């Protein structure tokens, strides 16, 4: 076996920072949402994806793809959310083999209540710490990494949905 191409000091310094971000940021965001919104980060993500879907409804397999979740994990989380009245599940009309998840009015109200605090927290931790140029650089860096992590673009619709201005998005779907 060939020797591993070890990281030099600057590469190691960058990598250790990425690992630290991957540990600290999700835990901090999850803690804020649990404390202030009564949901986990993953539950918030599920609510947000459903809120943006037509009729606030998605097939479970589509929701799993948009949240990068396995169906068993998503089913478990959605069942817990269903017990709290945030979502409902029902067989998909015309396709009894598929199940739809639908955001309830209570779920939407829960999302609306949690969103402002979450946005303030995201701004405080990430957005406001960076200049506009650094935000553009962060987008480019994330795109470079996502090209390796998601080479088939399975989640591309999720992370590219805000790339165009709202007026351009409407025109492109007309």
C-alpha atoms as a PDB file:
ATOM      1  CA  UNK A   1       0.000   0.000   0.000  1.00  0.00           C
ATOM      2  CA  UNK A   2       1.346   3.426  -0.963  1.00  0.00           C
ATOM      3  CA  UNK A   3       2.034   6.009   1.678  1.00  0.00           C
ATOM      4  CA  UNK A   4      -0.856   8.392   2.243  1.00  0.00           C
ATOM      5  CA  UNK A   5      -0.323  11.868   0.779  1.00  0.00           C
ATOM      6  CA  UNK A   6      -0.237  13.590   4.169  1.00  0.00           C
ATOM      7  CA  UNK A   7      -1.640  17.073   4.535  1.00  0.00           C
ATOM      8  CA  UNK A   8       0.813  19.942   4.793  1.00  0.00           C
ATOM      9  CA  UNK A   9       0.458  22.433   7.662  1.00  0.00           C
ATOM     10  CA  UNK A  10      -1.828  24.854   5.799  1.00  0.00           C
ATOM     11  CA  UNK A  11      -4.044  22.007   4.541  1.00  0.00           C
ATOM     12  CA  UNK A  12      -4.178  20.506   8.030  1.00  0.00           C
ATOM     13  CA  UNK A  13      -5.060  23.894   9.519  1.00  0.00           C
ATOM     14  CA  UNK A  14      -7.949  24.254   7.022  1.00  0.00           C
ATOM     15  CA  UNK A  15      -9.139  20.687   7.548  1.00  0.00           C
ATOM     16  CA  UNK A  16      -9.172  20.912  11.348  1.00  0.00           C
ATOM     17  CA  UNK A  17     -11.258  24.084  11.043  1.00  0.00           C
ATOM     18  CA  UNK A  18     -13.753  22.318   8.752  1.00  0.00           C
ATOM     19  CA  UNK A  19     -14.047  19.444  11.234  1.00  0.00           C
ATOM     20  CA  UNK A  20     -14.570  21.941  14.062  1.00  0.00           C
ATOM     21  CA  UNK A  21     -17.325  23.692  12.080  1.00  0.00           C
ATOM     22  CA  UNK A  22     -18.995  20.354  11.356  1.00  0.00           C
ATOM     23  CA  UNK A  23     -19.040  19.608  15.082  1.00  0.00           C
ATOM     24  CA  UNK A  24     -19.923  23.014  16.521  1.00  0.00           C
ATOM     25  CA  UNK A  25     -22.366  24.551  14.031  1.00  0.00           C
ATOM     26  CA  UNK A  26     -24.961  21.749  13.791  1.00  0.00           C
ATOM     27  CA  UNK A  27     -24.991  21.309  17.572  1.00  0.00           C
ATOM     28  CA  UNK A  28     -25.432  25.036  18.131  1.00  0.00           C
ATOM     29  CA  UNK A  29     -28.225  25.345  15.537  1.00  0.00           C
ATOM     30  CA  UNK A  30     -29.971  22.259  16.905  1.00  0.00           C
ATOM     31  CA  UNK A  31     -29.733  23.558  20.477  1.00  0.00           C
ATOM     32  CA  UNK A  32     -31.262  26.923  19.535  1.00  0.00           C
ATOM     33  CA  UNK A  33     -34.143  25.294  17.660  1.00  0.00           C
ATOM     34  CA  UNK A  34     -34.836  22.842  20.499  1.00  0.00           C
ATOM     35  CA  UNK A  35     -34.750  25.638  23.076  1.00  0.00           C
ATOM     36  CA  UNK A  36     -36.682  28.301  21.183  1.00  0.00           C
ATOM     37  CA  UNK A  37     -38.752  26.320  18.684  1.00  0.00           C
ATOM     38  CA  UNK A  38     -39.361  22.947  20.298  1.00  0.00           C
ATOM     39  CA  UNK A  39     -38.001  21.097  17.238  1.00  0.00           C
ATOM     40  CA  UNK A  40     -34.711  19.550  16.232  1.00  0.00           C
ATOM     41  CA  UNK A  41     -32.756  20.896  13.286  1.00  0.00           C
ATOM     42  CA  UNK A  42     -33.846  17.891  11.218  1.00  0.00           C
ATOM     43  CA  UNK A  43     -37.507  18.378  12.175  1.00  0.00           C
ATOM     44  CA  UNK A  44     -37.233  22.058  11.225  1.00  0.00           C
ATOM     45  CA  UNK A  45     -35.740  21.022   7.873  1.00  0.00           C
ATOM     46  CA  UNK A  46     -38.658  18.613   7.289  1.00  0.00           C
ATOM     47  CA  UNK A  47     -41.196  21.343   8.161  1.00  0.00           C
ATOM     48  CA  UNK A  48     -39.417  23.823   5.870  1.00  0.00           C
ATOM     49  CA  UNK A  49     -39.338  21.409   2.913  1.00  0.00           C
ATOM     50  CA  UNK A  50     -43.032  20.644   3.341  1.00  0.00           C
ATOM     51  CA  UNK A  51     -43.888  24.344   3.679  1.00  0.00           C
ATOM     52  CA  UNK A  52     -42.338  25.055   0.264  1.00  0.00           C
ATOM     53  CA  UNK A  53     -44.014  22.113  -1.508  1.00  0.00           C
ATOM     54  CA  UNK A  54     -47.248  22.430  -3.500  1.00  0.00           C
ATOM     55  CA  UNK A  55     -50.178  21.955  -1.090  1.00  0.00           C
ATOM     56  CA  UNK A  56     -47.510  21.582   1.629  1.00  0.00           C
ATOM     57  CA  UNK A  57     -47.357  17.896   0.664  1.00  0.00           C
ATOM     58  CA  UNK A  58     -44.534  15.647  -0.535  1.00  0.00           C
ATOM     59  CA  UNK A  59     -44.211  11.949  -1.207  1.00  0.00           C
ATOM     60  CA  UNK A  60     -42.127  10.470   1.606  1.00  0.00           C
ATOM     61  CA  UNK A  61     -39.455   9.332  -0.866  1.00  0.00           C
ATOM     62  CA  UNK A  62     -39.203  12.898  -2.249  1.00  0.00           C
ATOM     63  CA  UNK A  63     -39.007  14.319   1.264  1.00  0.00           C
ATOM     64  CA  UNK A  64     -36.262  11.815   2.104  1.00  0.00           C
ATOM     65  CA  UNK A  65     -34.298  12.935  -0.965  1.00  0.00           C
ATOM     66  CA  UNK A  66     -34.736  16.637  -0.144  1.00  0.00           C
ATOM     67  CA  UNK A  67     -33.587  16.133   3.440  1.00  0.00           C
ATOM     68  CA  UNK A  68     -30.858  13.615   2.553  1.00  0.00           C
ATOM     69  CA  UNK A  69     -32.448  11.096   4.867  1.00  0.00           C
ATOM     70  CA  UNK A  70     -33.085   7.402   4.670  1.00  0.00           C
ATOM     71  CA  UNK A  71     -36.739   6.408   4.522  1.00  0.00           C
ATOM     72  CA  UNK A  72     -36.555   4.541   7.859  1.00  0.00           C
ATOM     73  CA  UNK A  73     -35.067   7.583   9.645  1.00  0.00           C
ATOM     74  CA  UNK A  74     -37.556   9.939   8.008  1.00  0.00           C
ATOM     75  CA  UNK A  75     -40.484   7.638   8.826  1.00  0.00           C
ATOM     76  CA  UNK A  76     -39.440   7.543  12.469  1.00  0.00           C
ATOM     77  CA  UNK A  77     -39.122  11.346  12.689  1.00  0.00           C
ATOM     78  CA  UNK A  78     -42.348  11.977  10.767  1.00  0.00           C
ATOM     79  CA  UNK A  79     -44.216   9.529  13.035  1.00  0.00           C
ATOM     80  CA  UNK A  80     -43.066  11.517  16.073  1.00  0.00           C
ATOM     81  CA  UNK A  81     -44.058  14.765  14.349  1.00  0.00           C
ATOM     82  CA  UNK A  82     -47.414  13.231  13.433  1.00  0.00           C
ATOM     83  CA  UNK A  83     -47.970  12.347  17.116  1.00  0.00           C
ATOM     84  CA  UNK A  84     -47.470  16.058  17.895  1.00  0.00           C
ATOM     85  CA  UNK A  85     -49.924  17.131  15.180  1.00  0.00           C
ATOM     86  CA  UNK A  86     -47.282  18.826  13.000  1.00  0.00           C
ATOM     87  CA  UNK A  87     -47.713  16.573   9.954  1.00  0.00           C
ATOM     88  CA  UNK A  88     -50.071  13.918   8.665  1.00  0.00           C
ATOM     89  CA  UNK A  89     -49.355  10.894   6.525  1.00  0.00           C
ATOM     90  CA  UNK A  90     -51.725   9.269   4.066  1.00  0.00           C
ATOM     91  CA  UNK A  91     -51.549   6.965   1.066  1.00  0.00           C
ATOM     92  CA  UNK A  92     -50.823   8.929  -2.099  1.00  0.00           C
ATOM     93  CA  UNK A  93     -53.975   9.362  -4.200  1.00  0.00           C
ATOM     94  CA  UNK A  94     -53.750   7.110  -7.235  1.00  0.00           C
ATOM     95  CA  UNK A  95     -50.712   5.242  -5.870  1.00  0.00           C
ATOM     96  CA  UNK A  96     -51.514   3.298  -2.721  1.00  0.00           C
ATOM     97  CA  UNK A  97     -47.905   2.038  -2.546  1.00  0.00           C
ATOM     98  CA  UNK A  98     -46.622   5.554  -1.804  1.00  0.00           C
ATOM     99  CA  UNK A  99     -47.212   7.697   1.243  1.00  0.00           C
ATOM    100  CA  UNK A 100     -47.564  11.464   1.332  1.00  0.00           C
ATOM    101  CA  UNK A 101     -46.501  13.663   4.219  1.00  0.00           C
ATOM    102  CA  UNK A 102     -48.490  16.870   4.615  1.00  0.00           C
ATOM    103  CA  UNK A 103     -47.739  19.856   6.812  1.00  0.00           C
ATOM    104  CA  UNK A 104     -50.691  20.639   9.078  1.00  0.00           C
ATOM    105  CA  UNK A 105     -51.808  24.127  10.045  1.00  0.00           C
ATOM    106  CA  UNK A 106     -50.301  23.488  13.489  1.00  0.00           C
ATOM    107  CA  UNK A 107     -47.046  22.405  11.847  1.00  0.00           C
ATOM    108  CA  UNK A 108     -46.982  25.527   9.692  1.00  0.00           C
ATOM    109  CA  UNK A 109     -47.681  27.709  12.746  1.00  0.00           C
ATOM    110  CA  UNK A 110     -44.864  25.899  14.582  1.00  0.00           C
ATOM    111  CA  UNK A 111     -42.501  26.604  11.677  1.00  0.00           C
ATOM    112  CA  UNK A 112     -43.564  30.261  11.503  1.00  0.00           C
ATOM    113  CA  UNK A 113     -42.934  30.631  15.236  1.00  0.00           C
ATOM    114  CA  UNK A 114     -39.485  28.984  15.071  1.00  0.00           C
ATOM    115  CA  UNK A 115     -38.248  30.650  11.861  1.00  0.00           C
ATOM    116  CA  UNK A 116     -37.510  34.209  13.095  1.00  0.00           C
ATOM    117  CA  UNK A 117     -35.305  33.043  15.959  1.00  0.00           C
ATOM    118  CA  UNK A 118     -33.570  30.549  13.702  1.00  0.00           C
ATOM    119  CA  UNK A 119     -32.825  33.223  11.090  1.00  0.00           C
ATOM    120  CA  UNK A 120     -31.463  35.585  13.750  1.00  0.00           C
ATOM    121  CA  UNK A 121     -29.258  32.778  15.059  1.00  0.00           C
ATOM    122  CA  UNK A 122     -27.991  31.842  11.565  1.00  0.00           C
ATOM    123  CA  UNK A 123     -27.217  35.509  10.911  1.00  0.00           C
ATOM    124  CA  UNK A 124     -25.375  35.866  14.218  1.00  0.00           C
ATOM    125  CA  UNK A 125     -23.311  32.703  13.831  1.00  0.00           C
ATOM    126  CA  UNK A 126     -22.548  32.744  10.101  1.00  0.00           C
ATOM    127  CA  UNK A 127     -23.903  35.455   7.820  1.00  0.00           C
ATOM    128  CA  UNK A 128     -23.020  38.558   9.844  1.00  0.00           C
ATOM    129  CA  UNK A 129     -19.536  37.196  10.562  1.00  0.00           C
ATOM    130  CA  UNK A 130     -18.717  37.359   6.837  1.00  0.00           C
ATOM    131  CA  UNK A 131     -18.365  40.150   4.294  1.00  0.00           C
ATOM    132  CA  UNK A 132     -20.436  40.007   1.084  1.00  0.00           C
ATOM    133  CA  UNK A 133     -17.283  38.853  -0.724  1.00  0.00           C
ATOM    134  CA  UNK A 134     -16.780  36.067   1.829  1.00  0.00           C
ATOM    135  CA  UNK A 135     -20.435  34.993   1.401  1.00  0.00           C
ATOM    136  CA  UNK A 136     -19.749  34.606  -2.350  1.00  0.00           C
ATOM    137  CA  UNK A 137     -16.543  32.702  -1.559  1.00  0.00           C
ATOM    138  CA  UNK A 138     -18.398  30.463   0.894  1.00  0.00           C
ATOM    139  CA  UNK A 139     -20.958  29.661  -1.815  1.00  0.00           C
ATOM    140  CA  UNK A 140     -18.173  28.808  -4.268  1.00  0.00           C
ATOM    141  CA  UNK A 141     -16.353  26.660  -1.692  1.00  0.00           C
ATOM    142  CA  UNK A 142     -19.567  24.843  -0.800  1.00  0.00           C
ATOM    143  CA  UNK A 143     -20.269  24.259  -4.521  1.00  0.00           C
ATOM    144  CA  UNK A 144     -16.790  22.756  -5.001  1.00  0.00           C
ATOM    145  CA  UNK A 145     -17.276  20.407  -2.042  1.00  0.00           C
ATOM    146  CA  UNK A 146     -20.844  19.525  -3.034  1.00  0.00           C
ATOM    147  CA  UNK A 147     -19.621  18.562  -6.514  1.00  0.00           C
ATOM    148  CA  UNK A 148     -17.550  15.848  -4.776  1.00  0.00           C
ATOM    149  CA  UNK A 149     -20.102  14.901  -2.111  1.00  0.00           C
ATOM    150  CA  UNK A 150     -23.133  14.903  -4.425  1.00  0.00           C
ATOM    151  CA  UNK A 151     -21.663  14.111  -7.868  1.00  0.00           C
ATOM    152  CA  UNK A 152     -25.011  12.987  -9.278  1.00  0.00           C
ATOM    153  CA  UNK A 153     -26.753  16.120  -7.981  1.00  0.00           C
ATOM    154  CA  UNK A 154     -29.281  14.131  -5.955  1.00  0.00           C
ATOM    155  CA  UNK A 155     -29.721  17.077  -3.573  1.00  0.00           C
ATOM    156  CA  UNK A 156     -28.936  19.853  -6.077  1.00  0.00           C
ATOM    157  CA  UNK A 157     -32.528  21.075  -6.208  1.00  0.00           C
ATOM    158  CA  UNK A 158     -32.363  21.633  -2.454  1.00  0.00           C
ATOM    159  CA  UNK A 159     -29.132  23.629  -2.380  1.00  0.00           C
ATOM    160  CA  UNK A 160     -29.604  25.494  -5.678  1.00  0.00           C
ATOM    161  CA  UNK A 161     -33.199  26.652  -5.151  1.00  0.00           C
ATOM    162  CA  UNK A 162     -32.150  30.142  -4.035  1.00  0.00           C
ATOM    163  CA  UNK A 163     -29.556  30.769  -6.741  1.00  0.00           C
ATOM    164  CA  UNK A 164     -31.935  32.819  -8.918  1.00  0.00           C
ATOM    165  CA  UNK A 165     -33.865  35.932  -7.992  1.00  0.00           C
ATOM    166  CA  UNK A 166     -37.579  35.191  -7.363  1.00  0.00           C
ATOM    167  CA  UNK A 167     -38.593  36.920 -10.624  1.00  0.00           C
ATOM    168  CA  UNK A 168     -36.091  34.740 -12.570  1.00  0.00           C
ATOM    169  CA  UNK A 169     -37.402  31.595 -10.868  1.00  0.00           C
ATOM    170  CA  UNK A 170     -40.952  32.408 -11.965  1.00  0.00           C
ATOM    171  CA  UNK A 171     -39.855  33.020 -15.555  1.00  0.00           C
ATOM    172  CA  UNK A 172     -37.849  29.811 -15.706  1.00  0.00           C
ATOM    173  CA  UNK A 173     -40.856  27.740 -14.615  1.00  0.00           C
ATOM    174  CA  UNK A 174     -43.350  29.443 -16.984  1.00  0.00           C
END
